[in-house]
């Protein structure tokens, strides 16, 4: 299971006071208002940044971090991933899971036989779609609905599914 989750990526500085434009990679960009700090992953190191202010502009979040007060200082963080720890992640409802925790789980059929591995989750308007790489090399696109996803056990490392007629 992942210890950190990406919530955004710094795209560029914004203005001359050290603000940064952030493309949110979280379902709810408004969550930045509730965050006190994030972890900037520069690729070489992880730095904790304290959030001083948050604004919204189109599909971006404009964030001001404490101690970053110029355009030049903000420029250093261009293309940096912003992470939160599992403790600061959003609380999930029953039967909700972080995509990062699902990817890589083994996939079992109704009888409990392993048939493949979850490779990706596509987020669509109606429901998510699980991309499952089957052991025979084929790819199965399975809608993440109750009729198909029978059981998810992240700790045990598996998903048990029912394949509707016509999906294979």
N, C-alpha and C. Protein backbone atom coordinates (compact mmCIF):
# COMPACT_ATOMS: atom_id res chain seq x y z
N UNK A 1 0.84 -1.18 0.00
CA UNK A 1 0.00 0.00 0.00
C UNK A 1 0.88 1.25 0.00
N UNK A 2 0.40 2.25 -0.68
CA UNK A 2 1.14 3.50 -0.80
C UNK A 2 1.10 4.29 0.50
N UNK A 3 2.20 4.97 0.84
CA UNK A 3 2.23 5.83 2.02
C UNK A 3 1.90 7.27 1.66
N UNK A 4 2.11 7.65 0.39
CA UNK A 4 1.85 9.01 -0.06
C UNK A 4 1.00 8.98 -1.33
N UNK A 5 0.15 10.00 -1.46
CA UNK A 5 -0.71 10.12 -2.63
C UNK A 5 -0.48 11.47 -3.29
N UNK A 6 -0.38 11.45 -4.61
CA UNK A 6 -0.21 12.70 -5.36
C UNK A 6 -1.54 13.43 -5.41
N UNK A 7 -1.51 14.73 -5.07
CA UNK A 7 -2.73 15.54 -5.13
C UNK A 7 -2.63 16.64 -6.18
N UNK A 8 -1.42 16.86 -6.70
CA UNK A 8 -1.26 17.90 -7.72
C UNK A 8 0.15 17.94 -8.27
N UNK A 9 0.29 18.71 -9.37
CA UNK A 9 1.60 18.92 -10.00
C UNK A 9 1.74 20.41 -10.24
N UNK A 10 2.85 20.98 -9.81
CA UNK A 10 3.12 22.40 -10.04
C UNK A 10 3.38 22.60 -11.53
N UNK A 11 2.63 23.50 -12.14
CA UNK A 11 2.83 23.74 -13.57
C UNK A 11 3.75 24.93 -13.82
N UNK A 12 3.60 26.00 -13.03
CA UNK A 12 4.43 27.19 -13.23
C UNK A 12 4.22 28.18 -12.08
N UNK A 13 5.12 29.16 -11.97
CA UNK A 13 4.89 30.23 -11.00
C UNK A 13 3.68 31.06 -11.44
N UNK A 14 3.09 31.79 -10.49
CA UNK A 14 1.96 32.66 -10.79
C UNK A 14 2.23 34.00 -10.12
N UNK A 15 2.49 35.01 -10.92
CA UNK A 15 2.76 36.34 -10.38
C UNK A 15 4.16 36.45 -9.84
N UNK A 16 4.38 37.52 -9.05
CA UNK A 16 5.74 37.82 -8.56
C UNK A 16 5.91 37.56 -7.07
N UNK A 17 4.86 37.08 -6.40
CA UNK A 17 4.92 36.90 -4.94
C UNK A 17 5.18 35.46 -4.51
N UNK A 18 5.54 34.59 -5.44
CA UNK A 18 5.87 33.22 -5.08
C UNK A 18 4.72 32.23 -5.16
N UNK A 19 3.57 32.67 -5.66
CA UNK A 19 2.46 31.73 -5.82
C UNK A 19 2.76 30.77 -6.95
N UNK A 20 2.11 29.60 -6.90
CA UNK A 20 2.33 28.59 -7.94
C UNK A 20 1.00 28.09 -8.48
N UNK A 21 0.98 27.85 -9.80
CA UNK A 21 -0.17 27.21 -10.43
C UNK A 21 0.00 25.71 -10.27
N UNK A 22 -1.05 25.06 -9.79
CA UNK A 22 -1.01 23.62 -9.54
C UNK A 22 -2.15 22.95 -10.29
N UNK A 23 -1.82 21.93 -11.08
CA UNK A 23 -2.84 21.12 -11.73
C UNK A 23 -3.24 20.04 -10.73
N UNK A 24 -4.51 20.04 -10.27
CA UNK A 24 -4.91 19.05 -9.28
C UNK A 24 -5.06 17.65 -9.87
N UNK A 25 -4.55 16.65 -9.17
CA UNK A 25 -4.70 15.26 -9.60
C UNK A 25 -5.56 14.51 -8.60
N UNK A 26 -6.34 15.24 -7.84
CA UNK A 26 -7.26 14.68 -6.86
C UNK A 26 -8.67 14.87 -7.38
N UNK A 27 -9.59 14.06 -6.91
CA UNK A 27 -10.98 14.16 -7.36
C UNK A 27 -11.61 15.50 -7.00
N UNK A 28 -11.22 16.07 -5.85
CA UNK A 28 -11.83 17.30 -5.37
C UNK A 28 -10.75 18.33 -5.11
N UNK A 29 -10.60 19.28 -6.02
CA UNK A 29 -9.57 20.31 -5.89
C UNK A 29 -9.82 21.20 -4.68
N UNK A 30 -11.05 21.29 -4.21
CA UNK A 30 -11.38 22.13 -3.05
C UNK A 30 -10.69 21.63 -1.77
N UNK A 31 -10.20 20.40 -1.81
CA UNK A 31 -9.53 19.85 -0.62
C UNK A 31 -8.27 20.62 -0.26
N UNK A 32 -7.70 21.37 -1.21
CA UNK A 32 -6.51 22.17 -0.92
C UNK A 32 -6.81 23.22 0.14
N UNK A 33 -8.06 23.67 0.22
CA UNK A 33 -8.46 24.65 1.25
C UNK A 33 -8.32 24.06 2.65
N UNK A 34 -8.49 22.75 2.79
CA UNK A 34 -8.43 22.09 4.09
C UNK A 34 -7.03 21.60 4.45
N UNK A 35 -6.12 21.57 3.49
CA UNK A 35 -4.76 21.09 3.76
C UNK A 35 -3.91 22.18 4.42
N UNK A 36 -3.10 21.78 5.37
CA UNK A 36 -2.19 22.71 6.02
C UNK A 36 -0.79 22.64 5.39
N UNK A 37 -0.46 21.45 4.87
CA UNK A 37 0.86 21.26 4.26
C UNK A 37 0.80 20.15 3.22
N UNK A 38 1.77 20.18 2.32
CA UNK A 38 1.96 19.12 1.33
C UNK A 38 3.44 18.80 1.28
N UNK A 39 3.76 17.70 0.62
CA UNK A 39 5.15 17.30 0.46
C UNK A 39 5.49 17.46 -1.02
N UNK A 40 6.51 18.28 -1.29
CA UNK A 40 6.96 18.49 -2.66
C UNK A 40 8.03 17.44 -2.98
N UNK A 41 7.76 16.63 -4.01
CA UNK A 41 8.69 15.60 -4.43
C UNK A 41 9.41 16.11 -5.67
N UNK A 42 10.64 16.58 -5.48
CA UNK A 42 11.40 17.18 -6.57
C UNK A 42 12.09 16.13 -7.44
N UNK A 43 12.04 14.88 -7.02
CA UNK A 43 12.76 13.82 -7.72
C UNK A 43 14.07 13.52 -7.03
N UNK A 44 14.64 14.51 -6.37
CA UNK A 44 15.88 14.33 -5.62
C UNK A 44 15.62 14.27 -4.12
N UNK A 45 14.59 15.01 -3.69
CA UNK A 45 14.27 15.07 -2.27
C UNK A 45 12.80 15.38 -2.08
N UNK A 46 12.34 15.17 -0.85
CA UNK A 46 10.96 15.51 -0.49
C UNK A 46 11.02 16.61 0.56
N UNK A 47 10.29 17.69 0.28
CA UNK A 47 10.31 18.86 1.14
C UNK A 47 8.88 19.15 1.59
N UNK A 48 8.69 19.34 2.90
CA UNK A 48 7.37 19.70 3.42
C UNK A 48 7.16 21.20 3.23
N UNK A 49 6.05 21.55 2.58
CA UNK A 49 5.71 22.95 2.34
C UNK A 49 4.41 23.29 3.06
N UNK A 50 4.43 24.38 3.82
CA UNK A 50 3.26 24.83 4.55
C UNK A 50 2.42 25.74 3.66
N UNK A 51 1.14 25.43 3.55
CA UNK A 51 0.24 26.20 2.70
C UNK A 51 -0.19 27.47 3.42
N UNK A 52 0.00 28.60 2.73
CA UNK A 52 -0.36 29.91 3.30
C UNK A 52 -1.67 30.42 2.72
N UNK A 53 -1.93 30.10 1.45
CA UNK A 53 -3.14 30.57 0.80
C UNK A 53 -3.49 29.74 -0.42
N UNK A 54 -4.79 29.66 -0.71
CA UNK A 54 -5.27 28.87 -1.85
C UNK A 54 -6.35 29.66 -2.57
N UNK A 55 -6.23 29.71 -3.91
CA UNK A 55 -7.25 30.31 -4.77
C UNK A 55 -7.51 29.34 -5.92
N UNK A 56 -8.62 29.54 -6.60
CA UNK A 56 -8.95 28.68 -7.73
C UNK A 56 -9.10 29.52 -8.98
N UNK A 57 -8.55 29.01 -10.10
CA UNK A 57 -8.62 29.72 -11.38
C UNK A 57 -8.79 28.68 -12.48
N UNK A 58 -9.95 28.70 -13.13
CA UNK A 58 -10.28 27.72 -14.17
C UNK A 58 -10.10 26.31 -13.60
N UNK A 59 -9.25 25.49 -14.25
CA UNK A 59 -9.06 24.11 -13.77
C UNK A 59 -7.82 23.99 -12.88
N UNK A 60 -7.25 25.12 -12.46
CA UNK A 60 -6.02 25.11 -11.67
C UNK A 60 -6.26 25.61 -10.25
N UNK A 61 -5.32 25.29 -9.38
CA UNK A 61 -5.31 25.80 -8.02
C UNK A 61 -4.08 26.69 -7.91
N UNK A 62 -4.26 27.90 -7.38
CA UNK A 62 -3.14 28.81 -7.15
C UNK A 62 -2.80 28.71 -5.67
N UNK A 63 -1.57 28.29 -5.36
CA UNK A 63 -1.18 28.07 -3.97
C UNK A 63 0.01 28.95 -3.62
N UNK A 64 -0.07 29.55 -2.43
CA UNK A 64 1.03 30.32 -1.86
C UNK A 64 1.58 29.50 -0.69
N UNK A 65 2.88 29.19 -0.75
CA UNK A 65 3.54 28.45 0.32
C UNK A 65 4.37 29.39 1.17
N UNK A 66 4.39 29.15 2.47
CA UNK A 66 5.17 29.96 3.41
C UNK A 66 6.65 29.85 3.06
N UNK A 67 7.33 30.98 2.99
CA UNK A 67 8.77 31.01 2.74
C UNK A 67 9.16 31.06 1.28
N UNK A 68 8.20 30.92 0.38
CA UNK A 68 8.48 31.06 -1.06
C UNK A 68 7.82 32.36 -1.49
N UNK A 69 8.66 33.40 -1.65
CA UNK A 69 8.13 34.76 -1.80
C UNK A 69 8.49 35.46 -3.11
N UNK A 70 9.06 34.71 -4.05
CA UNK A 70 9.38 35.34 -5.35
C UNK A 70 9.11 34.37 -6.48
N UNK A 71 9.02 34.94 -7.67
CA UNK A 71 8.81 34.13 -8.87
C UNK A 71 9.98 33.17 -9.08
N UNK A 72 11.20 33.64 -8.81
CA UNK A 72 12.39 32.80 -8.99
C UNK A 72 12.38 31.59 -8.04
N UNK A 73 11.97 31.81 -6.78
CA UNK A 73 11.90 30.70 -5.82
C UNK A 73 10.83 29.70 -6.25
N UNK A 74 9.69 30.20 -6.73
CA UNK A 74 8.60 29.33 -7.17
C UNK A 74 8.99 28.54 -8.41
N UNK A 75 9.78 29.13 -9.28
CA UNK A 75 10.21 28.48 -10.52
C UNK A 75 10.95 27.17 -10.25
N UNK A 76 11.64 27.08 -9.12
CA UNK A 76 12.40 25.87 -8.76
C UNK A 76 11.49 24.66 -8.60
N UNK A 77 10.18 24.90 -8.37
CA UNK A 77 9.26 23.81 -8.13
C UNK A 77 8.45 23.41 -9.36
N UNK A 78 8.74 24.00 -10.52
CA UNK A 78 8.03 23.65 -11.75
C UNK A 78 8.12 22.14 -11.99
N UNK A 79 7.00 21.52 -12.34
CA UNK A 79 6.87 20.08 -12.63
C UNK A 79 7.09 19.20 -11.39
N UNK A 80 6.98 19.78 -10.21
CA UNK A 80 7.14 19.03 -8.96
C UNK A 80 5.80 18.42 -8.56
N UNK A 81 5.82 17.16 -8.14
CA UNK A 81 4.62 16.50 -7.63
C UNK A 81 4.37 16.95 -6.20
N UNK A 82 3.10 17.20 -5.90
CA UNK A 82 2.70 17.53 -4.53
C UNK A 82 1.99 16.31 -3.95
N UNK A 83 2.45 15.86 -2.79
CA UNK A 83 1.95 14.65 -2.17
C UNK A 83 1.34 14.95 -0.81
N UNK A 84 0.47 14.07 -0.37
CA UNK A 84 -0.01 14.08 1.01
C UNK A 84 0.23 12.69 1.58
N UNK A 85 0.43 12.63 2.89
CA UNK A 85 0.61 11.34 3.54
C UNK A 85 -0.74 10.65 3.65
N UNK A 86 -0.72 9.37 3.88
CA UNK A 86 -1.96 8.60 4.03
C UNK A 86 -2.83 9.19 5.15
N UNK A 87 -2.20 9.68 6.21
CA UNK A 87 -2.95 10.28 7.33
C UNK A 87 -3.70 11.54 6.90
N UNK A 88 -3.14 12.28 5.94
CA UNK A 88 -3.78 13.52 5.47
C UNK A 88 -4.64 13.31 4.23
N UNK A 89 -4.74 12.08 3.78
CA UNK A 89 -5.56 11.78 2.60
C UNK A 89 -7.04 11.90 2.97
N UNK A 90 -7.88 12.05 1.97
CA UNK A 90 -9.32 12.13 2.23
C UNK A 90 -9.81 10.83 2.84
N UNK A 91 -10.81 10.95 3.68
CA UNK A 91 -11.42 9.77 4.29
C UNK A 91 -12.31 9.10 3.26
N UNK A 92 -12.18 7.80 3.14
CA UNK A 92 -12.96 7.07 2.15
C UNK A 92 -14.20 6.47 2.80
N UNK A 93 -15.25 6.39 2.02
CA UNK A 93 -16.47 5.73 2.47
C UNK A 93 -16.28 4.22 2.32
N UNK A 94 -17.24 3.49 2.83
CA UNK A 94 -17.22 2.04 2.68
C UNK A 94 -17.24 1.71 1.19
N UNK A 95 -16.49 0.71 0.78
CA UNK A 95 -16.38 0.27 -0.62
C UNK A 95 -15.73 1.31 -1.52
N UNK A 96 -14.95 2.23 -0.97
CA UNK A 96 -14.13 3.15 -1.76
C UNK A 96 -12.67 2.84 -1.48
N UNK A 97 -11.84 2.98 -2.52
CA UNK A 97 -10.42 2.64 -2.39
C UNK A 97 -9.60 3.65 -3.16
N UNK A 98 -8.36 3.85 -2.73
CA UNK A 98 -7.44 4.67 -3.48
C UNK A 98 -6.97 3.87 -4.68
N UNK A 99 -6.95 4.49 -5.85
CA UNK A 99 -6.52 3.80 -7.07
C UNK A 99 -5.11 3.26 -6.90
N UNK A 100 -4.25 4.03 -6.24
CA UNK A 100 -2.86 3.58 -6.04
C UNK A 100 -2.79 2.28 -5.26
N UNK A 101 -3.77 2.04 -4.37
CA UNK A 101 -3.79 0.79 -3.60
C UNK A 101 -4.32 -0.38 -4.42
N UNK A 102 -5.13 -0.10 -5.43
CA UNK A 102 -5.73 -1.17 -6.24
C UNK A 102 -4.79 -1.70 -7.32
N UNK A 103 -4.04 -0.80 -7.93
CA UNK A 103 -3.17 -1.21 -9.03
C UNK A 103 -2.12 -2.21 -8.53
N UNK A 104 -2.04 -3.33 -9.24
CA UNK A 104 -1.10 -4.39 -8.88
C UNK A 104 -1.73 -5.53 -8.11
N UNK A 105 -3.00 -5.37 -7.69
CA UNK A 105 -3.66 -6.46 -6.98
C UNK A 105 -3.93 -7.61 -7.94
N UNK A 106 -3.87 -8.83 -7.42
CA UNK A 106 -4.22 -9.98 -8.25
C UNK A 106 -5.74 -10.01 -8.40
N UNK A 107 -6.19 -10.53 -9.52
CA UNK A 107 -7.62 -10.61 -9.81
C UNK A 107 -8.01 -12.08 -9.84
N UNK A 108 -9.08 -12.41 -9.12
CA UNK A 108 -9.57 -13.77 -9.03
C UNK A 108 -10.96 -13.86 -9.65
N UNK A 109 -11.28 -15.05 -10.17
CA UNK A 109 -12.64 -15.27 -10.65
C UNK A 109 -13.52 -15.63 -9.45
N UNK A 110 -14.77 -15.93 -9.71
CA UNK A 110 -15.73 -16.22 -8.64
C UNK A 110 -15.31 -17.40 -7.77
N UNK A 111 -14.61 -18.36 -8.36
CA UNK A 111 -14.19 -19.55 -7.62
C UNK A 111 -12.92 -19.31 -6.80
N UNK A 112 -12.28 -18.16 -6.98
CA UNK A 112 -11.06 -17.85 -6.25
C UNK A 112 -9.78 -18.17 -6.99
N UNK A 113 -9.88 -18.56 -8.27
CA UNK A 113 -8.69 -18.84 -9.07
C UNK A 113 -8.13 -17.53 -9.63
N UNK A 114 -6.82 -17.38 -9.54
CA UNK A 114 -6.17 -16.17 -10.04
C UNK A 114 -6.21 -16.15 -11.57
N UNK A 115 -6.71 -15.03 -12.14
CA UNK A 115 -6.81 -14.93 -13.60
C UNK A 115 -6.00 -13.79 -14.19
N UNK A 116 -5.49 -12.88 -13.34
CA UNK A 116 -4.72 -11.76 -13.86
C UNK A 116 -4.35 -10.75 -12.79
N UNK A 117 -3.99 -9.56 -13.28
CA UNK A 117 -3.53 -8.47 -12.39
C UNK A 117 -4.20 -7.17 -12.83
N UNK A 118 -4.61 -6.36 -11.86
CA UNK A 118 -5.18 -5.05 -12.17
C UNK A 118 -4.05 -4.11 -12.57
N UNK A 119 -4.09 -3.62 -13.81
CA UNK A 119 -3.02 -2.77 -14.34
C UNK A 119 -3.34 -1.28 -14.27
N UNK A 120 -4.63 -0.93 -14.37
CA UNK A 120 -4.99 0.49 -14.40
C UNK A 120 -6.46 0.63 -14.05
N UNK A 121 -6.85 1.85 -13.70
CA UNK A 121 -8.24 2.18 -13.46
C UNK A 121 -8.56 3.40 -14.32
N UNK A 122 -9.53 3.24 -15.21
CA UNK A 122 -9.97 4.36 -16.06
C UNK A 122 -11.18 5.00 -15.38
N UNK A 123 -11.09 6.31 -15.21
CA UNK A 123 -12.20 7.03 -14.59
C UNK A 123 -13.10 7.57 -15.69
N UNK A 124 -14.32 7.07 -15.73
CA UNK A 124 -15.30 7.52 -16.72
C UNK A 124 -16.39 8.28 -15.99
N UNK A 125 -17.32 8.82 -16.71
CA UNK A 125 -18.39 9.58 -16.08
C UNK A 125 -19.30 8.74 -15.21
N UNK A 126 -19.69 7.59 -15.69
CA UNK A 126 -20.66 6.77 -14.96
C UNK A 126 -20.01 5.95 -13.85
N UNK A 127 -19.00 5.20 -14.17
CA UNK A 127 -18.31 4.36 -13.19
C UNK A 127 -16.88 4.13 -13.66
N UNK A 128 -16.03 3.74 -12.74
CA UNK A 128 -14.66 3.42 -13.12
C UNK A 128 -14.64 2.12 -13.91
N UNK A 129 -13.57 1.92 -14.67
CA UNK A 129 -13.37 0.69 -15.43
C UNK A 129 -12.00 0.15 -15.05
N UNK A 130 -11.98 -1.11 -14.61
CA UNK A 130 -10.73 -1.77 -14.24
C UNK A 130 -10.09 -2.38 -15.48
N UNK A 131 -8.82 -2.07 -15.69
CA UNK A 131 -8.05 -2.65 -16.79
C UNK A 131 -7.27 -3.83 -16.20
N UNK A 132 -7.66 -5.02 -16.60
CA UNK A 132 -7.09 -6.24 -16.04
C UNK A 132 -6.28 -6.95 -17.11
N UNK A 133 -5.01 -7.21 -16.80
CA UNK A 133 -4.15 -7.99 -17.71
C UNK A 133 -4.31 -9.45 -17.32
N UNK A 134 -4.94 -10.21 -18.21
CA UNK A 134 -5.17 -11.63 -17.95
C UNK A 134 -3.90 -12.43 -18.17
N UNK A 135 -3.80 -13.58 -17.53
CA UNK A 135 -2.60 -14.42 -17.64
C UNK A 135 -2.37 -14.91 -19.07
N UNK A 136 -3.43 -14.98 -19.89
CA UNK A 136 -3.25 -15.45 -21.27
C UNK A 136 -2.84 -14.31 -22.21
N UNK A 137 -2.55 -13.12 -21.65
CA UNK A 137 -2.07 -12.00 -22.46
C UNK A 137 -3.15 -11.04 -22.91
N UNK A 138 -4.40 -11.44 -22.80
CA UNK A 138 -5.49 -10.55 -23.19
C UNK A 138 -5.71 -9.49 -22.12
N UNK A 139 -6.47 -8.46 -22.51
CA UNK A 139 -6.81 -7.39 -21.58
C UNK A 139 -8.33 -7.37 -21.40
N UNK A 140 -8.77 -7.29 -20.17
CA UNK A 140 -10.19 -7.24 -19.86
C UNK A 140 -10.53 -5.87 -19.30
N UNK A 141 -11.53 -5.22 -19.89
CA UNK A 141 -12.03 -3.96 -19.36
C UNK A 141 -13.31 -4.28 -18.59
N UNK A 142 -13.22 -4.17 -17.28
CA UNK A 142 -14.32 -4.57 -16.41
C UNK A 142 -14.92 -3.36 -15.71
N UNK A 143 -16.23 -3.13 -15.88
CA UNK A 143 -16.84 -2.00 -15.17
C UNK A 143 -16.79 -2.24 -13.66
N UNK A 144 -16.43 -1.22 -12.91
CA UNK A 144 -16.33 -1.34 -11.46
C UNK A 144 -17.72 -1.11 -10.86
N UNK A 145 -18.57 -2.11 -11.03
CA UNK A 145 -19.94 -2.06 -10.51
C UNK A 145 -20.15 -3.29 -9.62
N UNK A 146 -21.16 -3.24 -8.76
CA UNK A 146 -21.40 -4.33 -7.80
C UNK A 146 -21.61 -5.68 -8.47
N UNK A 147 -22.21 -5.69 -9.66
CA UNK A 147 -22.45 -6.97 -10.34
C UNK A 147 -21.15 -7.63 -10.77
N UNK A 148 -20.11 -6.85 -10.98
CA UNK A 148 -18.83 -7.39 -11.47
C UNK A 148 -17.78 -7.52 -10.37
N UNK A 149 -17.69 -6.54 -9.49
CA UNK A 149 -16.67 -6.56 -8.44
C UNK A 149 -17.32 -7.13 -7.18
N UNK A 150 -16.98 -8.37 -6.88
CA UNK A 150 -17.61 -9.08 -5.77
C UNK A 150 -16.94 -8.79 -4.44
N UNK A 151 -15.60 -8.68 -4.45
CA UNK A 151 -14.86 -8.47 -3.21
C UNK A 151 -13.54 -7.79 -3.51
N UNK A 152 -13.18 -6.83 -2.67
CA UNK A 152 -11.86 -6.19 -2.75
C UNK A 152 -11.22 -6.32 -1.37
N UNK A 153 -10.03 -6.90 -1.34
CA UNK A 153 -9.28 -7.03 -0.09
C UNK A 153 -7.87 -6.52 -0.34
N UNK A 154 -7.67 -5.23 -0.07
CA UNK A 154 -6.38 -4.60 -0.34
C UNK A 154 -5.29 -5.22 0.52
N UNK A 155 -5.59 -5.49 1.78
CA UNK A 155 -4.58 -6.07 2.68
C UNK A 155 -4.14 -7.45 2.22
N UNK A 156 -5.08 -8.27 1.77
CA UNK A 156 -4.74 -9.62 1.29
C UNK A 156 -4.22 -9.58 -0.15
N UNK A 157 -4.44 -8.45 -0.85
CA UNK A 157 -3.86 -8.28 -2.18
C UNK A 157 -4.65 -8.87 -3.33
N UNK A 158 -6.00 -8.91 -3.22
CA UNK A 158 -6.76 -9.46 -4.34
C UNK A 158 -8.11 -8.76 -4.53
N UNK A 159 -8.63 -8.94 -5.75
CA UNK A 159 -9.98 -8.51 -6.12
C UNK A 159 -10.67 -9.74 -6.70
N UNK A 160 -11.86 -10.05 -6.23
CA UNK A 160 -12.64 -11.18 -6.77
C UNK A 160 -13.74 -10.58 -7.65
N UNK A 161 -13.85 -11.12 -8.87
CA UNK A 161 -14.77 -10.54 -9.85
C UNK A 161 -15.71 -11.58 -10.46
N UNK A 162 -16.76 -11.07 -11.05
CA UNK A 162 -17.68 -11.86 -11.89
C UNK A 162 -17.63 -11.21 -13.27
N UNK A 163 -17.35 -11.99 -14.30
CA UNK A 163 -17.26 -11.46 -15.66
C UNK A 163 -18.61 -11.63 -16.32
N UNK A 164 -19.24 -10.51 -16.62
CA UNK A 164 -20.54 -10.55 -17.29
C UNK A 164 -20.40 -11.14 -18.68
N UNK A 165 -21.45 -11.78 -19.15
CA UNK A 165 -21.45 -12.38 -20.47
C UNK A 165 -21.16 -11.31 -21.53
N UNK A 166 -20.25 -11.62 -22.43
CA UNK A 166 -19.92 -10.71 -23.52
C UNK A 166 -18.72 -9.81 -23.27
N UNK A 167 -18.18 -9.79 -22.04
CA UNK A 167 -17.03 -8.92 -21.75
C UNK A 167 -15.72 -9.51 -22.23
N UNK A 168 -15.64 -10.82 -22.37
CA UNK A 168 -14.38 -11.43 -22.84
C UNK A 168 -14.43 -11.67 -24.33
